[in-house]
Protein backbone atom coordinates (compact mmCIF):
# COMPACT_ATOMS: atom_id res chain seq x y z
CA MET A 1 -0.03 -0.15 0.01
CA PRO A 2 2.73 2.52 0.88
CA CYS A 3 4.53 1.70 -2.47
CA ALA A 4 1.30 2.32 -4.32
CA LEU A 5 0.42 5.56 -2.72
CA GLY A 6 3.94 6.71 -3.27
CA ALA A 7 3.74 5.79 -7.05
CA GLU A 8 0.46 7.40 -7.29
CA THR A 9 1.68 10.62 -5.77
CA ILE A 10 4.70 10.76 -8.03
CA GLU A 11 2.40 10.31 -11.10
CA ARG A 12 0.09 13.31 -10.12
CA GLU A 13 3.23 15.59 -9.54
CA ILE A 14 4.63 14.56 -13.14
CA ALA A 15 1.04 15.14 -14.67
CA SER A 16 0.94 18.44 -12.89
CA MET A 17 4.43 19.44 -13.95
CA SER A 18 3.68 18.34 -17.53
CA SER A 19 0.46 20.19 -17.79
CA HIS A 20 1.55 23.49 -16.20
CA PRO A 21 3.34 24.89 -19.43
CA ALA A 22 0.35 23.94 -21.51
CA ASP A 23 -1.97 25.65 -19.19
CA SER A 24 0.14 28.86 -18.57
CA ARG A 25 0.51 29.58 -22.21
CA PRO A 26 -3.03 30.54 -23.11
CA ARG A 27 -3.24 32.56 -20.07
CA LYS A 28 -0.77 34.96 -21.62
CA TRP A 29 -3.17 35.79 -24.30
CA PRO A 30 -5.71 37.50 -22.23
CA SER A 31 -3.25 39.48 -20.48
CA LEU A 32 -1.52 40.62 -23.49
CA LEU A 33 -4.96 41.38 -25.29
CA ALA A 34 -5.95 43.38 -22.18
CA ARG A 35 -2.32 45.35 -22.21
CA ILE A 36 -2.70 46.05 -25.92
CA ALA A 37 -6.44 47.22 -25.65
CA GLY A 38 -5.78 49.34 -22.49
CA TRP A 39 -2.99 51.55 -24.01
CA LEU A 40 -5.00 51.67 -27.12
CA VAL A 41 -7.52 53.67 -25.18
CA VAL A 42 -5.08 56.55 -24.63
CA VAL A 43 -3.85 56.51 -28.23
CA VAL A 44 -7.61 56.47 -29.56
CA TYR A 45 -8.70 59.11 -27.07
CA VAL A 46 -5.79 61.43 -28.00
CA ALA A 47 -6.23 60.83 -31.65
CA GLY A 48 -10.08 61.57 -31.39
CA VAL A 49 -9.89 64.79 -29.59
CA THR A 50 -6.99 66.09 -31.92
CA VAL A 51 -8.96 65.13 -34.90
CA SER A 52 -12.26 66.86 -33.47
CA ASN A 53 -10.16 70.14 -32.63
CA TRP A 54 -8.94 70.14 -36.32
CA LEU A 55 -12.14 69.47 -37.94
CA GLU A 56 -13.65 72.22 -35.74
CA ARG A 57 -11.09 74.88 -36.73
CA SER A 58 -10.82 74.05 -40.39
CA ALA A 59 -14.61 74.06 -40.86
CA GLY A 60 -14.90 77.23 -38.79
CA LEU A 61 -17.44 75.78 -36.45
CA PRO A 62 -18.53 78.25 -33.80
CA ASN A 63 -17.29 77.31 -30.33
CA ARG A 64 -19.23 79.34 -27.72
CA THR A 65 -17.45 77.39 -24.85
CA PRO A 66 -13.99 77.00 -25.54
CA VAL A 67 -13.05 76.70 -21.65
CA ASP A 68 -15.82 74.12 -21.03
CA ASP A 69 -14.70 72.13 -24.01
CA ALA A 70 -11.15 72.05 -22.76
CA VAL A 71 -12.26 71.03 -19.18
CA LEU A 72 -14.39 68.42 -20.45
CA GLN A 73 -11.46 67.08 -22.83
CA VAL A 74 -9.29 66.95 -19.88
CA GLY A 75 -11.79 65.48 -17.66
CA PHE A 76 -12.58 62.48 -19.93
CA GLY A 77 -8.73 62.13 -20.64
CA ALA A 78 -8.48 61.30 -16.88
CA PHE A 79 -10.90 58.80 -17.65
CA ALA A 80 -9.10 57.40 -20.68
CA VAL A 81 -5.75 57.24 -18.60
CA VAL A 82 -7.07 55.56 -15.47
CA GLY A 83 -9.22 53.22 -17.59
CA ALA A 84 -6.27 52.13 -19.59
CA LEU A 85 -4.20 51.68 -16.24
CA LEU A 86 -7.06 49.28 -14.64
CA VAL A 87 -7.53 47.59 -17.93
CA VAL A 88 -4.06 46.60 -17.87
CA LYS A 89 -3.40 45.94 -14.51
CA ARG A 90 -6.59 44.78 -13.26
CA PRO A 91 -8.28 43.28 -16.45
CA ALA A 92 -10.90 41.38 -14.28
CA ASN A 93 -12.20 44.47 -12.66
CA ALA A 94 -15.31 45.91 -14.76
CA VAL A 95 -14.79 49.40 -13.50
CA GLY A 96 -11.80 49.74 -15.84
CA TRP A 97 -13.57 48.53 -18.80
CA ILE A 98 -16.35 50.85 -18.12
CA MET A 99 -14.10 53.84 -17.93
CA ALA A 100 -12.19 52.83 -20.98
CA SER A 101 -15.46 52.54 -23.09
CA VAL A 102 -16.65 56.05 -21.75
CA ALA A 103 -13.27 57.50 -23.02
CA ILE A 104 -13.57 55.65 -26.27
CA MET A 105 -17.32 56.95 -26.74
CA VAL A 106 -16.32 60.48 -26.09
CA ALA A 107 -13.33 60.31 -28.49
CA VAL A 108 -14.97 58.47 -31.51
CA PHE A 109 -18.56 59.46 -31.15
CA HIS A 110 -17.76 63.34 -30.37
CA THR A 111 -15.51 63.30 -33.34
CA GLY A 112 -18.09 61.92 -35.39
CA ASP A 113 -20.37 64.77 -34.48
CA THR A 114 -17.91 67.12 -35.43
CA TYR A 115 -17.29 65.71 -38.70
CA ALA A 116 -20.99 65.63 -39.46
CA ALA A 117 -21.32 69.22 -38.60
CA ALA A 118 -18.24 70.20 -40.86
CA VAL A 119 -19.51 68.45 -43.79
CA ILE A 120 -23.07 69.77 -43.43
CA VAL A 121 -21.72 73.43 -42.95
CA THR A 122 -19.25 73.33 -45.80
CA ARG A 123 -20.91 71.07 -48.34
CA ASP A 124 -24.44 71.61 -47.34
CA ARG A 125 -25.11 68.10 -48.11
CA PRO A 126 -24.06 65.08 -45.81
CA ASP A 127 -22.24 62.06 -47.05
CA ALA A 128 -22.78 58.47 -45.70
CA VAL A 129 -20.07 58.73 -42.89
CA ALA A 130 -21.64 62.21 -41.67
CA VAL A 131 -25.27 60.34 -41.62
CA VAL A 132 -23.99 57.46 -39.67
CA ALA A 133 -21.99 59.84 -37.26
CA ALA A 134 -25.17 61.98 -36.78
CA TRP A 135 -27.10 58.83 -36.19
CA ILE A 136 -24.92 57.74 -33.28
CA GLY A 137 -24.48 61.17 -31.87
CA ASN A 138 -28.51 61.29 -31.50
CA TRP A 139 -28.47 58.29 -28.85
CA TYR A 140 -25.06 57.57 -27.39
CA TRP A 141 -25.27 60.30 -24.80
CA TYR A 142 -27.71 58.49 -22.75
CA LEU A 143 -25.62 55.27 -22.51
CA LEU A 144 -22.64 57.36 -21.66
CA LEU A 145 -24.62 59.14 -18.82
CA VAL A 146 -25.86 55.60 -17.36
CA LEU A 147 -22.31 54.11 -17.49
CA VAL A 148 -20.85 57.23 -15.44
CA VAL A 149 -23.34 57.92 -12.95
CA VAL A 150 -24.94 54.34 -12.37
CA PHE A 151 -22.56 51.49 -13.19
CA VAL A 152 -19.16 52.95 -12.01
CA PRO A 153 -20.48 53.57 -8.54
CA LEU A 154 -22.70 50.53 -8.48
CA LEU A 155 -19.60 48.07 -9.21
CA PHE A 156 -16.97 50.16 -7.57
CA PRO A 157 -14.34 48.79 -6.04
CA ASP A 158 -14.36 45.24 -7.11
CA GLY A 159 -16.32 45.22 -10.31
CA HIS A 160 -19.15 43.23 -8.79
CA LEU A 161 -22.39 43.88 -7.39
CA PRO A 162 -22.73 44.28 -3.48
CA SER A 163 -25.03 41.13 -3.82
CA ARG A 164 -27.59 39.72 -5.98
CA ARG A 165 -30.34 41.90 -4.29
CA TRP A 166 -28.69 44.88 -6.04
CA LEU A 167 -29.42 43.31 -9.44
CA PRO A 168 -32.67 45.34 -10.19
CA VAL A 169 -30.57 48.65 -9.47
CA ALA A 170 -28.60 47.54 -12.51
CA VAL A 171 -31.10 46.03 -14.69
CA LEU A 172 -33.97 48.56 -14.62
CA PRO A 173 -31.62 51.45 -15.74
CA GLY A 174 -30.23 49.09 -18.27
CA ILE A 175 -33.73 48.58 -19.65
CA GLY A 176 -34.54 52.17 -19.81
CA THR A 177 -31.24 52.74 -21.70
CA VAL A 178 -31.90 50.22 -24.27
CA LEU A 179 -35.58 51.80 -24.99
CA VAL A 180 -34.09 55.34 -25.09
CA VAL A 181 -31.32 54.04 -27.70
CA ILE A 182 -33.74 52.23 -29.84
CA TYR A 183 -36.28 54.97 -29.99
CA SER A 184 -33.96 57.72 -30.61
CA ALA A 185 -32.10 55.64 -33.30
CA LEU A 186 -35.65 55.56 -35.26
CA VAL A 187 -36.43 59.29 -35.21
CA PRO A 188 -36.84 60.34 -38.70
CA ILE A 189 -34.75 63.54 -38.29
CA LEU A 190 -31.30 63.78 -36.67
CA GLU A 191 -30.04 66.83 -35.06
CA VAL A 192 -26.36 67.86 -35.61
CA ASN A 193 -25.03 68.27 -32.19
CA GLU A 194 -22.00 70.25 -33.17
CA ALA A 195 -24.00 72.54 -35.72
CA SER A 196 -27.03 74.33 -34.18
CA GLY A 197 -29.96 74.46 -36.46
CA TYR A 198 -28.79 71.79 -38.97
CA GLU A 199 -30.73 68.60 -39.46
CA ILE A 200 -30.19 65.22 -41.28
CA GLU A 201 -32.77 62.89 -42.49
CA ASN A 202 -32.58 59.51 -40.85
CA PRO A 203 -32.64 56.80 -43.57
CA ILE A 204 -34.04 54.28 -41.16
CA GLY A 205 -36.38 56.51 -39.36
CA ILE A 206 -40.10 55.92 -38.79
CA LYS A 207 -42.20 58.97 -39.59
CA GLY A 208 -44.17 60.59 -37.09
CA LEU A 209 -41.88 59.96 -34.09
CA ASP A 210 -41.08 62.87 -31.89
CA ARG A 211 -37.77 63.34 -30.03
CA VAL A 212 -37.44 61.00 -27.04
CA GLU A 213 -37.46 64.17 -24.90
CA ASP A 214 -40.88 65.11 -26.00
CA LEU A 215 -42.52 61.81 -25.25
CA PRO A 216 -44.83 61.55 -22.48
CA GLY A 217 -43.33 58.18 -21.43
CA PHE A 218 -39.84 59.77 -21.12
CA MET A 219 -40.74 60.63 -17.63
CA VAL A 220 -40.73 56.97 -16.97
CA LEU A 221 -37.66 56.31 -18.73
CA ASN A 222 -36.04 59.30 -16.76
CA GLY A 223 -37.42 57.97 -13.78
CA LEU A 224 -35.57 54.46 -14.10
CA LEU A 225 -32.36 56.64 -14.66
CA ILE A 226 -33.04 58.68 -11.39
CA LEU A 227 -33.87 55.11 -9.60
CA GLY A 228 -30.45 53.84 -10.85
CA VAL A 229 -28.77 56.87 -9.57
CA VAL A 230 -30.19 56.75 -6.20
CA GLY A 231 -29.62 52.73 -6.06
CA ALA A 232 -26.12 53.24 -6.93
CA ALA A 233 -25.70 55.99 -4.16
CA ALA A 234 -27.39 53.95 -1.80
CA SER A 235 -25.05 50.88 -2.80
CA VAL A 236 -22.00 53.18 -1.90
CA VAL A 237 -23.45 54.04 1.54
CA VAL A 238 -24.14 50.22 2.12
CA ARG A 239 -20.53 49.39 1.02
CA PHE A 240 -18.86 51.84 3.13
CA TYR A 241 -20.70 50.97 6.24
CA ARG A 242 -20.03 47.27 5.73
CA SER A 243 -16.48 47.51 4.66
CA ARG A 244 -13.37 46.95 6.72
CA GLY A 245 -9.71 47.32 6.37
CA ILE A 246 -8.61 47.77 2.80
CA GLU A 247 -12.20 48.16 1.55
CA ARG A 248 -12.86 50.88 3.95
CA GLN A 249 -9.81 52.83 2.67
CA GLN A 250 -10.88 52.43 -1.10
CA MET A 251 -14.49 53.49 -0.19
CA LYS A 252 -13.09 56.65 1.61
CA TRP A 253 -11.29 57.62 -1.55
CA PHE A 254 -14.41 57.20 -3.66
CA VAL A 255 -16.69 59.14 -1.26
CA TYR A 256 -14.16 61.86 -1.00
CA ALA A 257 -14.12 62.57 -4.74
CA ALA A 258 -17.93 62.02 -5.07
CA ALA A 259 -18.47 64.57 -2.19
CA LEU A 260 -17.76 67.31 -4.79
CA ILE A 261 -20.86 66.36 -6.78
CA LEU A 262 -22.90 67.94 -3.59
CA LEU A 263 -21.74 71.19 -4.29
CA ALA A 264 -23.70 71.23 -7.60
CA PRO A 265 -26.51 73.43 -6.31
CA ILE A 266 -24.09 76.11 -5.11
CA VAL A 267 -21.84 76.13 -8.16
CA ASP A 268 -25.06 76.41 -10.42
CA ARG A 269 -25.55 80.01 -9.00
CA LEU A 270 -21.87 80.99 -9.45
CA PRO A 271 -20.36 82.31 -12.83
CA ASP A 272 -20.15 79.92 -15.69
CA PHE A 273 -16.29 79.84 -15.59
CA ILE A 274 -16.33 78.54 -12.04
CA ASN A 275 -18.93 76.02 -13.02
CA GLY A 276 -16.45 74.65 -15.85
CA LEU A 277 -13.64 74.39 -13.39
CA TRP A 278 -15.90 72.66 -11.07
CA LEU A 279 -16.97 70.04 -13.60
CA GLY A 280 -13.40 69.55 -14.58
CA LEU A 281 -12.47 69.15 -11.04
CA VAL A 282 -15.02 66.35 -10.62
CA LEU A 283 -14.26 64.55 -13.79
CA ILE A 284 -10.56 64.57 -12.89
CA ALA A 285 -10.84 63.56 -8.87
CA MET A 286 -13.31 60.59 -9.65
CA PRO A 287 -10.99 58.71 -12.12
CA THR A 288 -7.88 59.62 -9.67
CA ALA A 289 -9.66 58.41 -6.64
CA ILE A 290 -10.79 55.15 -8.42
CA ALA A 291 -7.25 54.49 -9.37
CA VAL A 292 -5.73 55.05 -6.14
CA ALA A 293 -8.56 52.74 -4.44
CA VAL A 294 -8.31 50.08 -7.05
CA MET A 295 -4.58 50.00 -7.54
CA ARG A 296 -4.11 50.58 -3.65
CA TYR A 297 -1.44 53.05 -4.35
CA ARG A 298 -0.91 55.36 -1.24
CA LEU A 299 -4.40 53.91 0.21
CA TYR A 300 -4.00 54.78 3.67
CA GLU A 301 -3.08 58.46 2.89
CA ILE A 302 -6.82 59.27 2.56
CA ASP A 303 -7.15 60.14 6.24
CA LEU A 304 -4.35 62.54 5.89
CA VAL A 305 -6.14 63.98 2.60
CA ILE A 306 -9.44 64.21 4.38
CA ASN A 307 -7.85 65.94 7.37
CA ARG A 308 -6.15 68.51 5.41
CA THR A 309 -9.15 69.32 3.40
CA LEU A 310 -11.36 69.79 6.49
CA VAL A 311 -8.44 72.09 7.77
CA TYR A 312 -7.43 74.23 4.68
CA GLY A 313 -10.87 74.30 3.10
CA PRO A 314 -12.43 76.39 5.74
CA LEU A 315 -9.22 78.01 6.28
CA THR A 316 -9.16 79.39 2.70
CA ALA A 317 -12.70 80.64 2.90
CA MET A 318 -11.93 82.58 6.11
CA LEU A 319 -8.77 84.16 4.67
CA VAL A 320 -10.85 85.11 1.46
CA VAL A 321 -13.69 86.79 3.69
CA VAL A 322 -10.95 88.69 5.72
CA TYR A 323 -9.21 89.87 2.62
CA VAL A 324 -12.18 91.07 0.67
CA ALA A 325 -13.66 92.56 3.94
CA GLY A 326 -10.41 94.24 4.60
CA VAL A 327 -9.67 95.43 1.09
CA VAL A 328 -13.37 97.03 0.94
CA SER A 329 -13.14 98.63 4.57
CA PHE A 330 -9.79 100.16 4.01
CA GLN A 331 -10.61 101.49 0.47
CA ASN A 332 -13.98 103.14 2.09
CA ALA A 333 -11.81 104.47 4.73
CA PHE A 334 -9.21 105.95 2.36
CA ARG A 335 -12.17 107.60 0.03
CA THR A 336 -13.71 109.04 3.15
CA LEU A 337 -10.27 110.69 4.30
CA THR A 338 -8.45 111.52 1.17
CA GLY A 339 -11.16 111.17 -1.44
CA GLN A 340 -9.52 108.58 -3.57
CA GLU A 341 -8.63 104.71 -3.36
CA SER A 342 -5.03 103.66 -2.37
CA GLN A 343 -3.05 100.32 -2.68
CA ILE A 344 -2.18 100.63 1.00
CA ALA A 345 -5.55 98.85 1.44
CA VAL A 346 -4.55 95.66 -0.43
CA VAL A 347 -0.94 95.70 1.14
CA ALA A 348 -2.86 96.09 4.63
CA SER A 349 -5.22 92.95 3.91
CA THR A 350 -2.24 90.93 2.47
CA LEU A 351 -0.37 91.51 5.84
CA ALA A 352 -3.50 90.61 7.83
CA ILE A 353 -4.08 87.49 6.26
CA ALA A 354 -0.33 86.41 6.51
CA ALA A 355 -0.55 87.26 10.22
CA LEU A 356 -3.47 85.25 11.01
CA PHE A 357 -2.55 82.33 8.69
CA ASN A 358 -0.90 80.30 11.42
CA PRO A 359 -3.05 80.98 14.48
CA LEU A 360 -6.13 80.20 12.28
CA ARG A 361 -4.57 76.91 11.01
CA GLY A 362 -3.51 75.75 14.48
CA ARG A 363 -7.09 76.44 15.94
CA LEU A 364 -8.81 74.63 12.98
CA GLN A 365 -6.24 71.80 13.23
CA THR A 366 -7.22 71.39 16.95
CA PHE A 367 -10.84 71.48 16.25
CA VAL A 368 -10.70 69.01 13.55
CA ASP A 369 -8.68 66.58 15.43
CA ARG A 370 -11.00 67.00 18.55
CA ARG A 371 -14.00 66.58 16.46
CA PHE A 372 -13.29 64.09 14.03
CA TYR A 373 -10.24 62.38 14.96
CA ARG A 374 -10.73 62.24 18.64
CA ARG A 375 -9.20 58.85 19.26
CA LYS A 376 -5.88 59.98 17.64
CA TYR A 377 -5.96 63.19 19.51
CA ASP A 378 -6.39 61.73 22.75
CA ALA A 379 -3.48 59.27 21.81
CA ALA A 380 -1.11 62.08 21.15
CA LYS A 381 -1.99 63.80 24.38
CA THR A 382 -1.35 60.74 26.16
CA LEU A 383 2.12 60.08 24.54
CA ALA A 384 2.89 63.61 25.28
CA ALA A 385 2.18 63.37 28.74
CA PHE A 386 4.42 60.27 29.12
CA ALA A 387 7.22 61.68 27.30
CA GLU A 388 7.23 64.34 29.94
CA ARG A 389 7.08 62.05 32.92
CA LEU A 390 9.80 59.68 31.31
CA ARG A 391 12.27 62.62 31.50
CA ASP A 392 11.50 63.20 35.27
CA GLU A 393 10.88 59.41 36.34
CA ILE A 394 14.01 57.52 37.43
CA ASN A 395 12.01 54.47 39.08
CA LEU A 396 11.82 51.45 36.60
CA ASP A 397 9.00 49.85 38.32
CA ALA A 398 6.78 52.94 38.30
CA LEU A 399 7.51 53.24 34.55
CA ASP A 400 6.57 49.70 33.94
CA THR A 401 2.88 50.15 34.87
CA GLU A 402 2.63 53.60 33.28
CA LEU A 403 3.93 52.24 30.00
CA VAL A 404 1.55 49.33 30.08
CA LYS A 405 -1.25 51.86 30.94
CA VAL A 406 -0.16 54.01 27.86
CA VAL A 407 0.01 51.15 25.42
CA ARG A 408 -3.73 50.21 26.40
CA GLU A 409 -5.02 53.65 26.00
CA THR A 410 -3.30 54.55 22.62
CA LEU A 411 -3.20 51.33 20.88
CA GLN A 412 -6.17 49.34 22.68
CA PRO A 413 -4.94 46.07 22.18
CA ALA A 414 -6.72 42.87 23.67
CA HIS A 415 -4.05 41.99 26.07
CA ALA A 416 -0.88 43.93 26.86
CA SER A 417 1.91 42.95 29.25
CA LEU A 418 5.63 43.93 29.64
CA TRP A 419 8.50 41.48 29.88
CA LEU A 420 11.97 42.79 30.67
CA ARG A 421 15.07 40.81 29.19
CA PRO A 422 17.59 40.65 32.05
CA ASP A 423 20.99 42.34 31.10
CA SER A 424 23.83 39.59 31.55
CA GLU A 425 26.47 42.48 31.69
CA THR A 426 24.50 44.32 34.66
CA GLN A 427 23.79 40.89 36.50
CA SER A 428 27.78 39.98 36.33
CA SER A 429 28.84 43.47 37.49
CA SER A 430 26.56 43.34 40.30
CA THR A 431 27.56 39.81 41.42
CA ALA A 432 31.40 40.67 41.13
CA SER A 433 30.73 43.96 43.29
CA THR A 434 28.88 41.96 45.88
CA ARG A 435 31.60 39.47 46.14
CA LEU A 436 34.12 42.26 46.58
CA GLU A 437 32.00 43.75 49.34
CA LYS A 438 31.83 40.44 51.16
CA GLY A 439 35.78 39.75 50.76
CA ASP A 440 36.42 43.32 52.19
CA GLU A 441 34.07 42.35 55.21
CA GLY A 442 35.87 39.04 55.73
């Protein structure tokens, strides 16, 4: 029996060794294809943006929002880079493929929109490519929106749903998206997005169909999208509260970037320039946070980032208020006294905020540590107090108890004990001195 078992074990090892190269060879192909596909995303995006800008300038298309266009191009460029990185490094994660798909759609389909506009403006008659480009441009925007606002947060960070219970949150917006895409693809008249006022006849359109936005049932379809957005946000909240360890840090990064979206009601009331900068910040922050979370690069620095944001955000707002109030007050005072404005008001306000910077920062840092990082704040105070006592205390037995107490209060372990290794040199010297003393006595 032992011989038979040994022979059988050897045969299994030989079989596994012989089959390993054959099994490992095919596995290289998906990885290689993922790398090629991933880095092609960046190439296609850069090429698409370059061609789109060239077509816009060569055809003389009016660009009323150049800043917004630049912000969108940079923002979706972040989607392209992060999507490519995740496809190469984490090909099994669906989030990377979704982000890469979004970047490809923006590059290719927007370039098609620009081409259709250039052809219809310069030639007054569209060719077949322009018709296809206008047809795609009539429906891809809804698909793009659903991928970004529903499926990315729903599948973050591992590329899977939190559980099967969340399947309706993914299916219902998907059904609504398919219906919108099919209906928009069959309208008889195609609007040229990049050339306002121009239209192209849809060769496969059905006469009598209105735009999808004008349908009474569009509210139902839009409700499915809203349901998906709310469900995706709820899934993020649930993942955050259930997460532990690495996943908790990943969710912190995502929630930190997504918190910028909450500023939308305030930003809408500000000038368009600030609105565009905010949109670009959101488009850059989201993929950056996803890249850090999924790749786990400097993952645990999110606590420091949040801490600095809570300190320097209010600090900046306070200093701006002080600066503006100082300039206005000093200018009014100079007008009253001299009848004209003076640059001294600007200098005085600048000196005021420079003098207030460190005191305000210290107070805000203390407030944030006490309010949001109480455990770390208490631990730091405990260690500082122990360091003060350590300089004055010479009794080793008293320090033993104090050290164990400090460890329990700061690290909060399940069990804490102190073991001191005896010093052989000290023991030998003390023994020798004892012997000498006894010899002298004798």
